[in-house]
Amino acid sequence: TSCGLLLFMLLTEFWISNESGEICDNTSHPMEIISSPKHHNQHGILNPAVTKGASIVIRNFVSTNPNYLRTLSQAHAGWIFGAIAELIDNSRDAGASRLDISIQSMFSKQAGQKVPVLCVVDNGHGMTYAQMMRMVSFGHKGPNEHCQDQIGRFGIGFKTGAMKLGRDAFVLTQTSTSRSVSFLSQSFNENKDNLEIPVVTYCKKDQYMEVDLGVQSEATAEYNLNAIKKFSPFNEYFIGEKVGLFGEEGTGTQVYIWNLDRWGTDYTLEWNSQKTDESPDSHGNGDILIRSKRVRSRPGQTNGNVPLDYSLKAYVEVMFLNPQMKITVQGSPVHVRM
């Protein structure tokens, strides 16, 4: 069951030969280092003395089969909006005041055509390198006791949510001093024995972002960026364009998910925009819907039409008792109901 799977993920630790619990390398290759505790400092970040060599590639692995990503998606098998809620919760925990959720078309090199991409963009405080690695790692050693009010403190929501929504997820996050990108992908890991998660981190030097040689080598950054460019719609120029979405504060997190979940031969989700070429005069009607429009049964329920069961906009309207964010769904503002 979904509850059993969630409990399993909370109790299971996927750390490998590394007391910090960060993702580390477990392969051997002439151009690679096997990451172990002695290569990390007290914060679990790779030792700069180990990683600064320009010819060294350190590949980010966890010791689990890539098929486990499909297992993660079953946590939200009953209702796909539960997966989107995981991402919304993360934005709330990051102190975001604005959150935009939409499905847009982007060109996929793998598909050779434009594909729908779910976009979740917030203006929160962003994630540092260590926080990004914590997010893409498989659970935490324990909940964050200093953040009792944070829904995502157990560290499993992003993986379960993203992998239910689609096969591939790209994350771009920026703080006032750093920028990181990561790629959690079933497509990239096809036919691999171990799950590989490319991560690239930059640090701010004067007014520019440069590869952070304190946590990776130039070769590692280049290898991971090339993997992202090959298997996703993103390259360094498109990433630069998306950085502009962070606005005046210049911080936040963006999640992009594609190869979306399917319902039969079509997508599980359907969407309409506030303004489209077909309907240029449409205002405020943008929404993301569950295609089946199935209403969930509840004890004592008499009304057969419950929009929050299949309309993301209607669901988000009642999601928080104490709303802190201005949210748009497919370009349409959400009016929170208290």
C-alpha atoms as a PDB file:
ATOM      1  CA  THR A   1       0.000   0.000   0.000  1.00  0.00           C
ATOM      2  CA  SER A   2       0.991   3.665  -0.281  1.00  0.00           C
ATOM      3  CA  CYS A   3       1.259   3.995   3.520  1.00  0.00           C
ATOM      4  CA  GLY A   4       3.457   0.918   3.732  1.00  0.00           C
ATOM      5  CA  LEU A   5       5.729   2.197   0.991  1.00  0.00           C
ATOM      6  CA  LEU A   6       6.111   5.583   2.687  1.00  0.00           C
ATOM      7  CA  LEU A   7       6.929   3.909   6.018  1.00  0.00           C
ATOM      8  CA  PHE A   8       9.486   1.706   4.275  1.00  0.00           C
ATOM      9  CA  MET A   9      11.181   4.729   2.738  1.00  0.00           C
ATOM     10  CA  LEU A  10      11.256   6.582   6.058  1.00  0.00           C
ATOM     11  CA  LEU A  11      12.871   3.656   7.872  1.00  0.00           C
ATOM     12  CA  THR A  12      15.337   2.602   5.184  1.00  0.00           C
ATOM     13  CA  GLU A  13      18.695   4.340   4.796  1.00  0.00           C
ATOM     14  CA  PHE A  14      20.454   4.239   1.453  1.00  0.00           C
ATOM     15  CA  TRP A  15      23.783   5.699   2.520  1.00  0.00           C
ATOM     16  CA  ILE A  16      26.923   4.058   1.105  1.00  0.00           C
ATOM     17  CA  SER A  17      30.309   4.052   2.895  1.00  0.00           C
ATOM     18  CA  ASN A  18      29.781   7.699   3.847  1.00  0.00           C
ATOM     19  CA  GLU A  19      28.838   8.892   7.333  1.00  0.00           C
ATOM     20  CA  SER A  20      27.494  12.193   5.991  1.00  0.00           C
ATOM     21  CA  GLY A  21      24.751  10.489   4.011  1.00  0.00           C
ATOM     22  CA  GLU A  22      25.587  12.380   0.812  1.00  0.00           C
ATOM     23  CA  ILE A  23      25.500  10.780  -2.591  1.00  0.00           C
ATOM     24  CA  CYS A  24      28.896   9.373  -3.385  1.00  0.00           C
ATOM     25  CA  ASP A  25      30.709   7.341  -5.993  1.00  0.00           C
ATOM     26  CA  ASN A  26      30.902   3.561  -5.921  1.00  0.00           C
ATOM     27  CA  THR A  27      32.434   2.798  -9.279  1.00  0.00           C
ATOM     28  CA  SER A  28      36.003   2.232 -10.343  1.00  0.00           C
ATOM     29  CA  HIS A  29      37.364   3.807 -13.516  1.00  0.00           C
ATOM     30  CA  PRO A  30      40.849   5.124 -14.478  1.00  0.00           C
ATOM     31  CA  MET A  31      39.471   8.671 -14.596  1.00  0.00           C
ATOM     32  CA  GLU A  32      37.401   8.464 -11.425  1.00  0.00           C
ATOM     33  CA  ILE A  33      37.856   8.502  -7.652  1.00  0.00           C
ATOM     34  CA  ILE A  34      35.979   6.151  -5.368  1.00  0.00           C
ATOM     35  CA  SER A  35      34.428   8.508  -2.843  1.00  0.00           C
ATOM     36  CA  SER A  36      34.762   7.439   0.782  1.00  0.00           C
ATOM     37  CA  PRO A  37      34.602   9.160   4.202  1.00  0.00           C
ATOM     38  CA  LYS A  38      38.240  10.250   3.979  1.00  0.00           C
ATOM     39  CA  HIS A  39      37.409  12.263   0.857  1.00  0.00           C
ATOM     40  CA  HIS A  40      34.783  14.322   2.695  1.00  0.00           C
ATOM     41  CA  ASN A  41      35.031  17.113   5.241  1.00  0.00           C
ATOM     42  CA  GLN A  42      32.931  17.258   8.403  1.00  0.00           C
ATOM     43  CA  HIS A  43      29.955  18.593   6.441  1.00  0.00           C
ATOM     44  CA  GLY A  44      29.981  15.691   4.004  1.00  0.00           C
ATOM     45  CA  ILE A  45      31.275  17.843   1.120  1.00  0.00           C
ATOM     46  CA  LEU A  46      34.013  16.422  -1.065  1.00  0.00           C
ATOM     47  CA  ASN A  47      37.482  17.558  -0.042  1.00  0.00           C
ATOM     48  CA  PRO A  48      38.754  20.279  -2.429  1.00  0.00           C
ATOM     49  CA  ALA A  49      42.205  18.684  -2.377  1.00  0.00           C
ATOM     50  CA  VAL A  50      40.671  15.565  -3.888  1.00  0.00           C
ATOM     51  CA  THR A  51      38.377  17.236  -6.399  1.00  0.00           C
ATOM     52  CA  LYS A  52      40.316  20.159  -7.845  1.00  0.00           C
ATOM     53  CA  GLY A  53      42.237  18.083 -10.366  1.00  0.00           C
ATOM     54  CA  ALA A  54      40.946  19.088 -13.791  1.00  0.00           C
ATOM     55  CA  SER A  55      41.281  15.541 -15.169  1.00  0.00           C
ATOM     56  CA  ILE A  56      39.306  13.817 -12.414  1.00  0.00           C
ATOM     57  CA  VAL A  57      35.638  12.928 -12.875  1.00  0.00           C
ATOM     58  CA  ILE A  58      33.614  12.058  -9.778  1.00  0.00           C
ATOM     59  CA  ARG A  59      30.234  10.602 -10.726  1.00  0.00           C
ATOM     60  CA  ASN A  60      27.318  10.834  -8.301  1.00  0.00           C
ATOM     61  CA  PHE A  61      25.781   7.424  -7.575  1.00  0.00           C
ATOM     62  CA  VAL A  62      23.598   5.854  -4.949  1.00  0.00           C
ATOM     63  CA  SER A  63      23.760   2.138  -4.386  1.00  0.00           C
ATOM     64  CA  THR A  64      20.320   1.239  -5.652  1.00  0.00           C
ATOM     65  CA  ASN A  65      18.883  -0.026  -8.910  1.00  0.00           C
ATOM     66  CA  PRO A  66      17.325   2.653 -11.167  1.00  0.00           C
ATOM     67  CA  ASN A  67      14.084   0.638 -11.177  1.00  0.00           C
ATOM     68  CA  TYR A  68      13.601   1.919  -7.644  1.00  0.00           C
ATOM     69  CA  LEU A  69      12.521   5.250  -9.156  1.00  0.00           C
ATOM     70  CA  ARG A  70       9.413   3.507 -10.492  1.00  0.00           C
ATOM     71  CA  THR A  71       8.779   2.052  -7.052  1.00  0.00           C
ATOM     72  CA  LEU A  72       8.896   5.540  -5.549  1.00  0.00           C
ATOM     73  CA  SER A  73       6.099   6.703  -7.837  1.00  0.00           C
ATOM     74  CA  GLN A  74       3.659   4.206  -6.308  1.00  0.00           C
ATOM     75  CA  ALA A  75       3.393   6.351  -3.170  1.00  0.00           C
ATOM     76  CA  HIS A  76       0.961   8.537  -5.139  1.00  0.00           C
ATOM     77  CA  ALA A  77      -0.634   5.867  -7.321  1.00  0.00           C
ATOM     78  CA  GLY A  78      -4.119   6.638  -6.009  1.00  0.00           C
ATOM     79  CA  TRP A  79      -4.174  10.378  -6.719  1.00  0.00           C
ATOM     80  CA  ILE A  80      -1.638  12.281  -8.821  1.00  0.00           C
ATOM     81  CA  PHE A  81      -2.361  15.639  -7.177  1.00  0.00           C
ATOM     82  CA  GLY A  82      -0.720  14.210  -4.055  1.00  0.00           C
ATOM     83  CA  ALA A  83       2.522  14.192  -6.055  1.00  0.00           C
ATOM     84  CA  ILE A  84       2.118  17.860  -7.028  1.00  0.00           C
ATOM     85  CA  ALA A  85       1.344  18.660  -3.387  1.00  0.00           C
ATOM     86  CA  GLU A  86       4.803  17.350  -2.434  1.00  0.00           C
ATOM     87  CA  LEU A  87       6.414  19.977  -4.673  1.00  0.00           C
ATOM     88  CA  ILE A  88       4.113  22.735  -3.398  1.00  0.00           C
ATOM     89  CA  ASP A  89       5.031  21.787   0.187  1.00  0.00           C
ATOM     90  CA  ASN A  90       8.731  22.130  -0.641  1.00  0.00           C
ATOM     91  CA  SER A  91       8.153  25.667  -1.960  1.00  0.00           C
ATOM     92  CA  ARG A  92       6.257  26.563   1.194  1.00  0.00           C
ATOM     93  CA  ASP A  93       9.067  25.174   3.350  1.00  0.00           C
ATOM     94  CA  ALA A  94      11.542  27.330   1.376  1.00  0.00           C
ATOM     95  CA  GLY A  95       9.695  30.488   2.399  1.00  0.00           C
ATOM     96  CA  ALA A  96       8.414  31.268  -1.092  1.00  0.00           C
ATOM     97  CA  SER A  97       5.899  34.086  -1.497  1.00  0.00           C
ATOM     98  CA  ARG A  98       5.173  33.231  -5.136  1.00  0.00           C
ATOM     99  CA  LEU A  99       4.661  29.877  -6.856  1.00  0.00           C
ATOM    100  CA  ASP A 100       3.820  29.306 -10.510  1.00  0.00           C
ATOM    101  CA  ILE A 101       2.665  25.878 -11.717  1.00  0.00           C
ATOM    102  CA  SER A 102       2.179  25.246 -15.422  1.00  0.00           C
ATOM    103  CA  ILE A 103       2.590  22.745 -18.229  1.00  0.00           C
ATOM    104  CA  GLN A 104       4.535  24.133 -21.184  1.00  0.00           C
ATOM    105  CA  SER A 105       5.966  22.724 -24.407  1.00  0.00           C
ATOM    106  CA  MET A 106       9.738  22.360 -24.668  1.00  0.00           C
ATOM    107  CA  PHE A 107      11.870  20.767 -27.359  1.00  0.00           C
ATOM    108  CA  SER A 108      13.260  17.362 -26.389  1.00  0.00           C
ATOM    109  CA  LYS A 109      16.371  16.169 -28.201  1.00  0.00           C
ATOM    110  CA  GLN A 110      15.579  12.585 -27.208  1.00  0.00           C
ATOM    111  CA  ALA A 111      12.053  12.746 -28.655  1.00  0.00           C
ATOM    112  CA  GLY A 112      13.032  14.979 -31.574  1.00  0.00           C
ATOM    113  CA  GLN A 113       9.987  17.171 -30.973  1.00  0.00           C
ATOM    114  CA  LYS A 114       8.299  19.406 -28.422  1.00  0.00           C
ATOM    115  CA  VAL A 115       6.973  17.618 -25.337  1.00  0.00           C
ATOM    116  CA  PRO A 116       4.820  18.818 -22.419  1.00  0.00           C
ATOM    117  CA  VAL A 117       6.840  19.760 -19.335  1.00  0.00           C
ATOM    118  CA  LEU A 118       5.395  20.376 -15.875  1.00  0.00           C
ATOM    119  CA  CYS A 119       7.025  23.520 -14.450  1.00  0.00           C
ATOM    120  CA  VAL A 120       7.002  24.414 -10.740  1.00  0.00           C
ATOM    121  CA  VAL A 121       8.775  27.743 -10.125  1.00  0.00           C
ATOM    122  CA  ASP A 122       9.093  29.508  -6.760  1.00  0.00           C
ATOM    123  CA  ASN A 123      10.955  32.507  -5.325  1.00  0.00           C
ATOM    124  CA  GLY A 124      11.994  30.880  -2.048  1.00  0.00           C
ATOM    125  CA  HIS A 125      15.468  31.041  -0.528  1.00  0.00           C
ATOM    126  CA  GLY A 126      16.830  28.284  -2.794  1.00  0.00           C
ATOM    127  CA  MET A 127      19.123  25.418  -1.819  1.00  0.00           C
ATOM    128  CA  THR A 128      22.832  25.247  -1.150  1.00  0.00           C
ATOM    129  CA  TYR A 129      24.913  22.399  -2.551  1.00  0.00           C
ATOM    130  CA  ALA A 130      24.521  20.421   0.678  1.00  0.00           C
ATOM    131  CA  GLN A 131      20.762  20.984   0.697  1.00  0.00           C
ATOM    132  CA  MET A 132      20.456  19.944  -2.952  1.00  0.00           C
ATOM    133  CA  MET A 133      22.382  16.739  -2.254  1.00  0.00           C
ATOM    134  CA  ARG A 134      20.149  16.116   0.741  1.00  0.00           C
ATOM    135  CA  MET A 135      17.077  16.502  -1.463  1.00  0.00           C
ATOM    136  CA  VAL A 136      18.207  14.046  -4.152  1.00  0.00           C
ATOM    137  CA  SER A 137      19.552  11.539  -1.595  1.00  0.00           C
ATOM    138  CA  PHE A 138      17.184   8.752  -0.602  1.00  0.00           C
ATOM    139  CA  GLY A 139      15.727   9.869   2.706  1.00  0.00           C
ATOM    140  CA  HIS A 140      17.447  11.445   5.671  1.00  0.00           C
ATOM    141  CA  LYS A 141      18.980   9.688   8.649  1.00  0.00           C
ATOM    142  CA  GLY A 142      16.184  11.280  10.645  1.00  0.00           C
ATOM    143  CA  PRO A 143      13.729  14.139  10.392  1.00  0.00           C
ATOM    144  CA  ASN A 144      15.017  17.683  10.770  1.00  0.00           C
ATOM    145  CA  GLU A 145      14.194  18.338  14.412  1.00  0.00           C
ATOM    146  CA  HIS A 146      14.910  22.056  14.008  1.00  0.00           C
ATOM    147  CA  CYS A 147      12.125  22.454  11.435  1.00  0.00           C
ATOM    148  CA  GLN A 148       9.079  20.932  13.109  1.00  0.00           C
ATOM    149  CA  ASP A 149       6.705  23.066  11.011  1.00  0.00           C
ATOM    150  CA  GLN A 150       8.185  21.967   7.698  1.00  0.00           C
ATOM    151  CA  ILE A 151       6.157  19.336   5.875  1.00  0.00           C
ATOM    152  CA  GLY A 152       9.149  18.116   3.850  1.00  0.00           C
ATOM    153  CA  ARG A 153      11.541  17.537   6.733  1.00  0.00           C
ATOM    154  CA  PHE A 154      11.731  13.744   6.131  1.00  0.00           C
ATOM    155  CA  GLY A 155      13.276  14.228   2.686  1.00  0.00           C
ATOM    156  CA  ILE A 156      11.254  11.788   0.590  1.00  0.00           C
ATOM    157  CA  GLY A 157       8.615  14.023  -0.990  1.00  0.00           C
ATOM    158  CA  PHE A 158      10.551  15.298  -3.988  1.00  0.00           C
ATOM    159  CA  LYS A 159      11.484  11.821  -5.216  1.00  0.00           C
ATOM    160  CA  THR A 160       8.051  10.251  -4.727  1.00  0.00           C
ATOM    161  CA  GLY A 161       6.268  13.258  -6.211  1.00  0.00           C
ATOM    162  CA  ALA A 162       8.524  13.843  -9.197  1.00  0.00           C
ATOM    163  CA  MET A 163       8.725  10.197 -10.240  1.00  0.00           C
ATOM    164  CA  LYS A 164       4.927   9.832 -10.150  1.00  0.00           C
ATOM    165  CA  LEU A 165       4.468  12.914 -12.325  1.00  0.00           C
ATOM    166  CA  GLY A 166       7.011  11.898 -14.968  1.00  0.00           C
ATOM    167  CA  ARG A 167      10.093   9.845 -15.783  1.00  0.00           C
ATOM    168  CA  ASP A 168      12.552  12.729 -15.749  1.00  0.00           C
ATOM    169  CA  ALA A 169      13.056  15.759 -13.492  1.00  0.00           C
ATOM    170  CA  PHE A 170      15.468  18.690 -13.707  1.00  0.00           C
ATOM    171  CA  VAL A 171      15.997  21.027 -10.747  1.00  0.00           C
ATOM    172  CA  LEU A 172      17.514  24.512 -10.894  1.00  0.00           C
ATOM    173  CA  THR A 173      18.037  26.267  -7.562  1.00  0.00           C
ATOM    174  CA  GLN A 174      19.770  29.493  -6.600  1.00  0.00           C
ATOM    175  CA  THR A 175      20.702  31.150  -3.309  1.00  0.00           C
ATOM    176  CA  SER A 176      22.330  34.542  -2.858  1.00  0.00           C
ATOM    177  CA  THR A 177      25.778  32.924  -3.175  1.00  0.00           C
ATOM    178  CA  SER A 178      25.355  29.711  -5.187  1.00  0.00           C
ATOM    179  CA  ARG A 179      23.518  27.952  -7.994  1.00  0.00           C
ATOM    180  CA  SER A 180      22.995  24.203  -8.459  1.00  0.00           C
ATOM    181  CA  VAL A 181      21.321  21.981 -11.028  1.00  0.00           C
ATOM    182  CA  SER A 182      20.452  18.305 -10.633  1.00  0.00           C
ATOM    183  CA  PHE A 183      18.903  15.649 -12.840  1.00  0.00           C
ATOM    184  CA  LEU A 184      16.813  12.758 -11.465  1.00  0.00           C
ATOM    185  CA  SER A 185      16.071  10.679 -14.536  1.00  0.00           C
ATOM    186  CA  GLN A 186      14.780   7.256 -15.468  1.00  0.00           C
ATOM    187  CA  SER A 187      15.702   7.846 -19.123  1.00  0.00           C
ATOM    188  CA  PHE A 188      19.328   8.684 -18.301  1.00  0.00           C
ATOM    189  CA  ASN A 189      19.620   5.614 -16.060  1.00  0.00           C
ATOM    190  CA  GLU A 190      18.100   3.127 -18.491  1.00  0.00           C
ATOM    191  CA  ASN A 191      20.025  -0.189 -18.471  1.00  0.00           C
ATOM    192  CA  LYS A 192      22.330   0.926 -15.638  1.00  0.00           C
ATOM    193  CA  ASP A 193      22.977  -1.142 -12.527  1.00  0.00           C
ATOM    194  CA  ASN A 194      23.296   1.844 -10.191  1.00  0.00           C
ATOM    195  CA  LEU A 195      21.323   5.056 -10.089  1.00  0.00           C
ATOM    196  CA  GLU A 196      23.371   8.054 -11.253  1.00  0.00           C
ATOM    197  CA  ILE A 197      22.274  11.608 -10.434  1.00  0.00           C
ATOM    198  CA  PRO A 198      24.197  14.380 -12.236  1.00  0.00           C
ATOM    199  CA  VAL A 199      24.664  17.508 -10.105  1.00  0.00           C
ATOM    200  CA  VAL A 200      26.535  20.704 -11.025  1.00  0.00           C
ATOM    201  CA  THR A 201      27.167  23.500  -8.517  1.00  0.00           C
ATOM    202  CA  TYR A 202      28.384  27.057  -9.035  1.00  0.00           C
ATOM    203  CA  CYS A 203      29.477  29.695  -6.518  1.00  0.00           C
ATOM    204  CA  LYS A 204      29.252  33.453  -6.829  1.00  0.00           C
ATOM    205  CA  LYS A 205      32.524  35.264  -7.544  1.00  0.00           C
ATOM    206  CA  ASP A 206      31.976  39.014  -7.757  1.00  0.00           C
ATOM    207  CA  GLN A 207      28.992  39.313 -10.118  1.00  0.00           C
ATOM    208  CA  TYR A 208      29.459  35.945 -11.849  1.00  0.00           C
ATOM    209  CA  MET A 209      28.707  32.304 -11.109  1.00  0.00           C
ATOM    210  CA  GLU A 210      31.697  29.989 -11.535  1.00  0.00           C
ATOM    211  CA  VAL A 211      32.028  26.220 -11.139  1.00  0.00           C
ATOM    212  CA  ASP A 212      32.486  25.557  -7.426  1.00  0.00           C
ATOM    213  CA  LEU A 213      35.801  23.706  -7.246  1.00  0.00           C
ATOM    214  CA  GLY A 214      35.281  23.209  -3.532  1.00  0.00           C
ATOM    215  CA  VAL A 215      32.742  20.452  -4.202  1.00  0.00           C
ATOM    216  CA  GLN A 216      33.608  19.149  -7.691  1.00  0.00           C
ATOM    217  CA  SER A 217      36.316  19.234 -10.327  1.00  0.00           C
ATOM    218  CA  GLU A 218      35.986  20.989 -13.678  1.00  0.00           C
ATOM    219  CA  ALA A 219      35.831  17.545 -15.294  1.00  0.00           C
ATOM    220  CA  THR A 220      33.016  16.428 -12.992  1.00  0.00           C
ATOM    221  CA  ALA A 221      31.007  19.558 -13.741  1.00  0.00           C
ATOM    222  CA  GLU A 222      31.552  19.139 -17.483  1.00  0.00           C
ATOM    223  CA  TYR A 223      30.587  15.455 -17.429  1.00  0.00           C
ATOM    224  CA  ASN A 224      27.392  16.105 -15.463  1.00  0.00           C
ATOM    225  CA  LEU A 225      26.403  19.128 -17.549  1.00  0.00           C
ATOM    226  CA  ASN A 226      26.898  17.123 -20.757  1.00  0.00           C
ATOM    227  CA  ALA A 227      24.636  14.376 -19.382  1.00  0.00           C
ATOM    228  CA  ILE A 228      21.950  16.961 -18.615  1.00  0.00           C
ATOM    229  CA  LYS A 229      22.283  18.543 -22.070  1.00  0.00           C
ATOM    230  CA  LYS A 230      22.008  15.177 -23.820  1.00  0.00           C
ATOM    231  CA  PHE A 231      19.029  13.758 -21.932  1.00  0.00           C
ATOM    232  CA  SER A 232      16.989  16.877 -21.127  1.00  0.00           C
ATOM    233  CA  PRO A 233      15.639  19.970 -22.909  1.00  0.00           C
ATOM    234  CA  PHE A 234      18.209  22.072 -21.015  1.00  0.00           C
ATOM    235  CA  ASN A 235      21.622  23.436 -21.941  1.00  0.00           C
ATOM    236  CA  GLU A 236      23.680  26.223 -20.383  1.00  0.00           C
ATOM    237  CA  TYR A 237      21.906  28.877 -22.468  1.00  0.00           C
ATOM    238  CA  PHE A 238      18.399  27.657 -21.627  1.00  0.00           C
ATOM    239  CA  ILE A 239      19.406  27.396 -17.964  1.00  0.00           C
ATOM    240  CA  GLY A 240      20.619  31.005 -18.123  1.00  0.00           C
ATOM    241  CA  GLU A 241      17.255  32.031 -19.549  1.00  0.00           C
ATOM    242  CA  LYS A 242      15.411  30.280 -16.716  1.00  0.00           C
ATOM    243  CA  VAL A 243      17.579  32.008 -14.090  1.00  0.00           C
ATOM    244  CA  GLY A 244      15.794  35.212 -15.109  1.00  0.00           C
ATOM    245  CA  LEU A 245      12.573  33.806 -13.615  1.00  0.00           C
ATOM    246  CA  PHE A 246      13.977  34.236 -10.100  1.00  0.00           C
ATOM    247  CA  GLY A 247      13.204  37.956 -10.267  1.00  0.00           C
ATOM    248  CA  GLU A 248      14.629  40.784  -8.178  1.00  0.00           C
ATOM    249  CA  GLU A 249      15.678  38.693  -5.184  1.00  0.00           C
ATOM    250  CA  GLY A 250      17.518  36.285  -7.467  1.00  0.00           C
ATOM    251  CA  THR A 251      16.735  33.221  -5.354  1.00  0.00           C
ATOM    252  CA  GLY A 252      14.370  30.280  -5.642  1.00  0.00           C
ATOM    253  CA  THR A 253      13.917  26.785  -7.030  1.00  0.00           C
ATOM    254  CA  GLN A 254      12.548  25.553 -10.347  1.00  0.00           C
ATOM    255  CA  VAL A 255      11.463  21.959 -11.000  1.00  0.00           C
ATOM    256  CA  TYR A 256      10.815  20.726 -14.546  1.00  0.00           C
ATOM    257  CA  ILE A 257       9.313  17.279 -15.163  1.00  0.00           C
ATOM    258  CA  TRP A 258       8.700  15.611 -18.528  1.00  0.00           C
ATOM    259  CA  ASN A 259       7.841  12.224 -20.025  1.00  0.00           C
ATOM    260  CA  LEU A 260       4.687  12.773 -18.006  1.00  0.00           C
ATOM    261  CA  ASP A 261       2.603  10.003 -16.441  1.00  0.00           C
ATOM    262  CA  ARG A 262       0.118   8.398 -18.828  1.00  0.00           C
ATOM    263  CA  TRP A 263      -3.466   7.220 -18.553  1.00  0.00           C
ATOM    264  CA  GLY A 264      -3.892   4.682 -21.323  1.00  0.00           C
ATOM    265  CA  THR A 265      -2.610   6.219 -24.555  1.00  0.00           C
ATOM    266  CA  ASP A 266      -2.922   9.794 -23.299  1.00  0.00           C
ATOM    267  CA  TYR A 267      -1.479  11.797 -20.422  1.00  0.00           C
ATOM    268  CA  THR A 268      -2.970  11.439 -16.941  1.00  0.00           C
ATOM    269  CA  LEU A 269      -3.143  15.232 -16.756  1.00  0.00           C
ATOM    270  CA  GLU A 270      -4.779  17.606 -19.195  1.00  0.00           C
ATOM    271  CA  TRP A 271      -4.324  21.345 -19.202  1.00  0.00           C
ATOM    272  CA  ASN A 272      -5.593  24.562 -20.662  1.00  0.00           C
ATOM    273  CA  SER A 273      -3.905  27.935 -20.559  1.00  0.00           C
ATOM    274  CA  GLN A 274      -5.139  31.328 -19.525  1.00  0.00           C
ATOM    275  CA  LYS A 275      -4.174  32.546 -22.991  1.00  0.00           C
ATOM    276  CA  THR A 276      -3.528  30.336 -26.010  1.00  0.00           C
ATOM    277  CA  ASP A 277      -3.323  30.774 -29.760  1.00  0.00           C
ATOM    278  CA  GLU A 278      -6.695  29.058 -30.038  1.00  0.00           C
ATOM    279  CA  SER A 279      -8.293  31.149 -27.270  1.00  0.00           C
ATOM    280  CA  PRO A 280      -6.461  34.498 -27.050  1.00  0.00           C
ATOM    281  CA  ASP A 281      -9.295  36.171 -25.116  1.00  0.00           C
ATOM    282  CA  SER A 282      -9.468  33.566 -22.351  1.00  0.00           C
ATOM    283  CA  HIS A 283      -8.657  35.135 -18.965  1.00  0.00           C
ATOM    284  CA  GLY A 284      -8.423  33.441 -15.576  1.00  0.00           C
ATOM    285  CA  ASN A 285      -9.531  30.015 -16.806  1.00  0.00           C
ATOM    286  CA  GLY A 286      -6.175  28.258 -16.861  1.00  0.00           C
ATOM    287  CA  ASP A 287      -6.108  24.955 -14.993  1.00  0.00           C
ATOM    288  CA  ILE A 288      -4.469  21.530 -14.802  1.00  0.00           C
ATOM    289  CA  LEU A 289      -6.944  18.664 -14.583  1.00  0.00           C
ATOM    290  CA  ILE A 290      -6.914  14.922 -13.975  1.00  0.00           C
ATOM    291  CA  ARG A 291      -8.142  13.591 -17.296  1.00  0.00           C
ATOM    292  CA  SER A 292     -10.400  10.889 -15.822  1.00  0.00           C
ATOM    293  CA  LYS A 293     -12.172  13.485 -13.612  1.00  0.00           C
ATOM    294  CA  ARG A 294     -12.794  10.674 -11.150  1.00  0.00           C
ATOM    295  CA  VAL A 295     -14.349  11.812  -7.869  1.00  0.00           C
ATOM    296  CA  ARG A 296     -12.902  10.210  -4.743  1.00  0.00           C
ATOM    297  CA  SER A 297     -15.440   8.611  -2.429  1.00  0.00           C
ATOM    298  CA  ARG A 298     -15.899   9.948   1.112  1.00  0.00           C
ATOM    299  CA  PRO A 299     -18.172   8.792   3.950  1.00  0.00           C
ATOM    300  CA  GLY A 300     -21.465  10.680   3.821  1.00  0.00           C
ATOM    301  CA  GLN A 301     -20.696  12.382   0.523  1.00  0.00           C
ATOM    302  CA  THR A 302     -23.862  13.323  -1.381  1.00  0.00           C
ATOM    303  CA  ASN A 303     -22.525  15.595  -4.119  1.00  0.00           C
ATOM    304  CA  GLY A 304     -21.180  13.722  -7.120  1.00  0.00           C
ATOM    305  CA  ASN A 305     -19.233  16.719  -8.439  1.00  0.00           C
ATOM    306  CA  VAL A 306     -16.183  17.589  -6.310  1.00  0.00           C
ATOM    307  CA  PRO A 307     -13.849  19.757  -8.430  1.00  0.00           C
ATOM    308  CA  LEU A 308     -10.947  19.611  -5.965  1.00  0.00           C
ATOM    309  CA  ASP A 309     -10.632  15.898  -6.807  1.00  0.00           C
ATOM    310  CA  TYR A 310      -9.709  16.607 -10.433  1.00  0.00           C
ATOM    311  CA  SER A 311      -8.965  20.371 -10.700  1.00  0.00           C
ATOM    312  CA  LEU A 312      -5.544  21.463  -9.446  1.00  0.00           C
ATOM    313  CA  LYS A 313      -6.724  25.038  -9.127  1.00  0.00           C
ATOM    314  CA  ALA A 314      -9.689  23.987  -6.951  1.00  0.00           C
ATOM    315  CA  TYR A 315      -7.449  21.736  -4.836  1.00  0.00           C
ATOM    316  CA  VAL A 316      -4.827  24.426  -4.202  1.00  0.00           C
ATOM    317  CA  GLU A 317      -7.598  26.835  -3.153  1.00  0.00           C
ATOM    318  CA  VAL A 318      -8.192  24.743  -0.017  1.00  0.00           C
ATOM    319  CA  MET A 319      -4.736  23.231   0.468  1.00  0.00           C
ATOM    320  CA  PHE A 320      -3.427  25.496   3.246  1.00  0.00           C
ATOM    321  CA  LEU A 321      -5.118  26.727   6.413  1.00  0.00           C
ATOM    322  CA  ASN A 322      -2.550  29.523   6.619  1.00  0.00           C
ATOM    323  CA  PRO A 323      -1.627  30.438   3.025  1.00  0.00           C
ATOM    324  CA  GLN A 324       1.738  32.158   2.590  1.00  0.00           C
ATOM    325  CA  MET A 325       2.158  32.109  -1.195  1.00  0.00           C
ATOM    326  CA  LYS A 326       0.519  33.694  -4.193  1.00  0.00           C
ATOM    327  CA  ILE A 327      -0.023  30.733  -6.512  1.00  0.00           C
ATOM    328  CA  THR A 328      -0.883  30.581 -10.195  1.00  0.00           C
ATOM    329  CA  VAL A 329      -1.960  27.448 -12.052  1.00  0.00           C
ATOM    330  CA  GLN A 330      -1.507  27.528 -15.820  1.00  0.00           C
ATOM    331  CA  GLY A 331      -1.284  31.320 -15.675  1.00  0.00           C
ATOM    332  CA  SER A 332      -4.479  31.731 -13.669  1.00  0.00           C
ATOM    333  CA  PRO A 333      -4.283  33.129 -10.093  1.00  0.00           C
ATOM    334  CA  VAL A 334      -5.558  30.893  -7.314  1.00  0.00           C
ATOM    335  CA  HIS A 335      -7.984  32.566  -4.897  1.00  0.00           C
ATOM    336  CA  VAL A 336      -7.442  30.793  -1.590  1.00  0.00           C
ATOM    337  CA  ARG A 337     -10.557  29.791   0.348  1.00  0.00           C
ATOM    338  CA  MET A 338     -10.161  29.955   4.111  1.00  0.00           C
END
